[in-house]
Amino acid sequence: MSSKFKNLSNYDKDSIPDASGMSFGIVVSEWNEEITGSLLEGALNTLQKHGVEKANIQIKFVPGSFELTYAAKILAEEQDDLDAIICLGCVVKGETPHFDYICQSVSYGLTELNLSYDLPFIFGVLTTNTIQQARDRSGGKYGNKGDEAAVTAIKMAHKD
């Protein structure tokens, strides 16, 4: 379903497993900080709402979305107690093919990490045509993709 018709932050809270005792890593791009800061806030609020203690959330910042995969790999190797790693970024289409290269590289890189580790790596990267579309999906009229990424991380990490 297109997010044009769906608020990303609306979900059945009772369908989410209890995340008490779980640990999560979050890697956040500093590029488009207005957007990624909102995504991070949404992810943190959602994790804590479902029982994750603040002390069990490791946050790392990277310059841009391209660097998310490397930082997520390092976090996975350094923190062997994590249940999932959420990657948050925002790439806004411009006039050059840079957008295509970055989006493809990040999605491919996170897919490779998911296949290489026994750990879920969550794609929480907005790939929008305009900054307004990004705002709409990072706490605006379509909710917050950070919330959705946190819910996905909890569900993927829950092994029952």
Protein backbone atom coordinates (compact mmCIF):
# COMPACT_ATOMS: atom_id res chain seq x y z
CA MET A 1 0.00 0.00 0.00
CA SER A 2 1.30 3.45 -0.85
CA SER A 3 2.22 5.59 2.15
CA LYS A 4 0.09 8.26 0.52
CA PHE A 5 -2.87 6.48 2.09
CA LYS A 6 -1.26 5.15 5.27
CA ASN A 7 0.13 6.78 8.39
CA LEU A 8 3.33 4.85 9.09
CA SER A 9 2.99 5.32 12.84
CA ASN A 10 -0.42 3.63 13.10
CA TYR A 11 -0.12 0.01 14.12
CA ASP A 12 -1.76 -2.40 16.52
CA LYS A 13 0.38 -1.96 19.65
CA ASP A 14 -0.88 -5.29 21.01
CA SER A 15 0.59 -7.12 18.01
CA ILE A 16 4.15 -6.07 18.94
CA PRO A 17 6.12 -8.53 21.10
CA ASP A 18 7.41 -7.36 24.46
CA ALA A 19 10.90 -5.93 23.95
CA SER A 20 11.90 -5.85 27.62
CA GLY A 21 15.43 -7.14 28.01
CA MET A 22 16.27 -6.62 24.34
CA SER A 23 19.15 -4.45 23.10
CA PHE A 24 19.24 -2.45 19.89
CA GLY A 25 21.76 -0.47 17.92
CA ILE A 26 20.76 2.56 15.91
CA VAL A 27 22.99 4.08 13.24
CA VAL A 28 21.90 7.56 12.14
CA SER A 29 23.03 9.69 9.22
CA GLU A 30 23.83 13.31 10.06
CA TRP A 31 23.00 14.38 6.49
CA ASN A 32 19.50 15.89 6.40
CA GLU A 33 19.69 16.12 10.19
CA GLU A 34 16.26 17.75 10.51
CA ILE A 35 14.77 14.55 9.08
CA THR A 36 17.10 11.95 10.60
CA GLY A 37 16.76 13.56 14.04
CA SER A 38 13.00 13.08 13.82
CA LEU A 39 13.45 9.49 12.64
CA LEU A 40 15.74 8.82 15.61
CA GLU A 41 13.27 10.36 18.04
CA GLY A 42 10.49 8.18 16.64
CA ALA A 43 12.59 5.02 16.86
CA LEU A 44 13.69 5.76 20.43
CA ASN A 45 10.17 6.54 21.61
CA THR A 46 8.78 3.37 20.03
CA LEU A 47 11.51 1.11 21.41
CA GLN A 48 11.02 2.50 24.91
CA LYS A 49 7.22 2.30 24.61
CA HIS A 50 7.64 -1.44 24.04
CA GLY A 51 9.91 -2.02 27.04
CA VAL A 52 13.47 -1.36 25.84
CA GLU A 53 15.52 0.41 28.48
CA LYS A 54 17.44 3.49 27.38
CA ALA A 55 20.68 1.84 28.54
CA ASN A 56 20.04 -0.98 26.05
CA ILE A 57 20.06 1.31 23.02
CA GLN A 58 23.42 2.11 21.40
CA ILE A 59 23.40 5.08 19.02
CA LYS A 60 26.11 5.86 16.46
CA PHE A 61 26.15 8.82 14.08
CA VAL A 62 27.70 8.82 10.62
CA PRO A 63 28.16 11.65 8.10
CA GLY A 64 25.75 10.36 5.43
CA SER A 65 23.53 7.48 4.40
CA PHE A 66 26.31 5.83 2.39
CA GLU A 67 28.22 5.25 5.64
CA LEU A 68 25.31 3.49 7.38
CA THR A 69 26.29 0.00 6.26
CA TYR A 70 29.91 0.22 7.42
CA ALA A 71 28.95 1.66 10.80
CA ALA A 72 26.23 -0.98 11.22
CA LYS A 73 28.78 -3.72 10.47
CA ILE A 74 31.24 -2.30 13.03
CA LEU A 75 28.46 -1.95 15.62
CA ALA A 76 27.44 -5.58 15.07
CA GLU A 77 31.02 -6.74 15.53
CA GLU A 78 31.73 -4.60 18.60
CA GLN A 79 28.39 -5.14 20.39
CA ASP A 80 27.66 -8.85 20.34
CA ASP A 81 24.60 -8.50 22.59
CA LEU A 82 22.43 -6.57 20.14
CA ASP A 83 19.13 -8.05 18.98
CA ALA A 84 18.85 -5.83 15.87
CA ILE A 85 20.40 -2.74 14.30
CA ILE A 86 18.25 0.04 12.88
CA CYS A 87 19.76 2.21 10.13
CA LEU A 88 18.21 5.64 9.74
CA GLY A 89 18.92 8.05 6.90
CA CYS A 90 17.38 10.35 4.34
CA VAL A 91 18.33 10.75 0.70
CA VAL A 92 16.49 13.43 -1.28
CA LYS A 93 16.60 13.24 -5.07
CA GLY A 94 18.56 15.99 -6.75
CA GLU A 95 19.54 16.86 -10.30
CA THR A 96 22.30 14.26 -10.62
CA PRO A 97 22.37 10.44 -10.47
CA HIS A 98 24.00 10.63 -7.01
CA PHE A 99 20.60 9.77 -5.46
CA ASP A 100 20.41 6.50 -7.41
CA TYR A 101 23.94 5.43 -6.49
CA ILE A 102 23.49 6.15 -2.79
CA CYS A 103 20.06 4.49 -2.53
CA GLN A 104 21.20 1.40 -4.41
CA SER A 105 24.43 1.12 -2.39
CA VAL A 106 22.70 1.43 0.97
CA SER A 107 19.92 -1.01 0.15
CA TYR A 108 22.39 -3.52 -1.29
CA GLY A 109 24.77 -3.06 1.65
CA LEU A 110 22.06 -3.64 4.24
CA THR A 111 20.81 -6.68 2.35
CA GLU A 112 24.34 -8.10 2.39
CA LEU A 113 24.62 -7.50 6.14
CA ASN A 114 21.30 -9.27 6.71
CA LEU A 115 22.58 -12.27 4.78
CA SER A 116 26.02 -12.29 6.42
CA TYR A 117 25.10 -11.94 10.11
CA ASP A 118 22.66 -13.71 12.38
CA LEU A 119 21.22 -10.29 13.21
CA PRO A 120 18.49 -8.18 11.60
CA PHE A 121 19.62 -4.90 10.01
CA ILE A 122 16.61 -2.65 9.50
CA PHE A 123 16.27 -0.31 6.52
CA GLY A 124 14.95 2.97 7.92
CA VAL A 125 16.17 5.18 5.10
CA LEU A 126 13.81 7.64 3.46
CA THR A 127 14.34 7.92 -0.30
CA THR A 128 12.20 10.82 -1.39
CA ASN A 129 11.86 13.19 -4.31
CA THR A 130 11.54 16.29 -2.11
CA ILE A 131 12.41 17.45 1.39
CA GLN A 132 8.68 17.95 2.03
CA GLN A 133 8.04 14.26 1.31
CA ALA A 134 10.75 13.46 3.86
CA ARG A 135 9.15 15.75 6.45
CA ASP A 136 5.78 14.11 5.84
CA ARG A 137 7.35 10.71 6.64
CA SER A 138 9.47 11.75 9.62
CA GLY A 139 6.76 12.95 11.96
CA GLY A 140 4.46 14.70 9.51
CA LYS A 141 1.14 13.75 7.99
CA TYR A 142 2.26 10.21 7.11
CA GLY A 143 3.68 9.43 10.53
CA ASN A 144 7.29 8.58 11.27
CA LYS A 145 9.35 5.94 9.46
CA GLY A 146 11.48 5.80 12.63
CA ASP A 147 8.49 4.33 14.47
CA GLU A 148 8.04 1.76 11.70
CA ALA A 149 11.74 0.84 11.73
CA ALA A 150 11.63 0.27 15.50
CA VAL A 151 8.53 -1.92 15.23
CA THR A 152 10.20 -3.91 12.46
CA ALA A 153 13.35 -4.32 14.58
CA ILE A 154 11.36 -5.64 17.53
CA LYS A 155 9.41 -8.07 15.36
CA MET A 156 12.52 -9.31 13.55
CA ALA A 157 14.50 -9.68 16.78
CA HIS A 158 11.74 -11.62 18.52
CA LYS A 159 12.69 -15.23 17.86
CA ASP A 160 9.64 -16.99 19.35
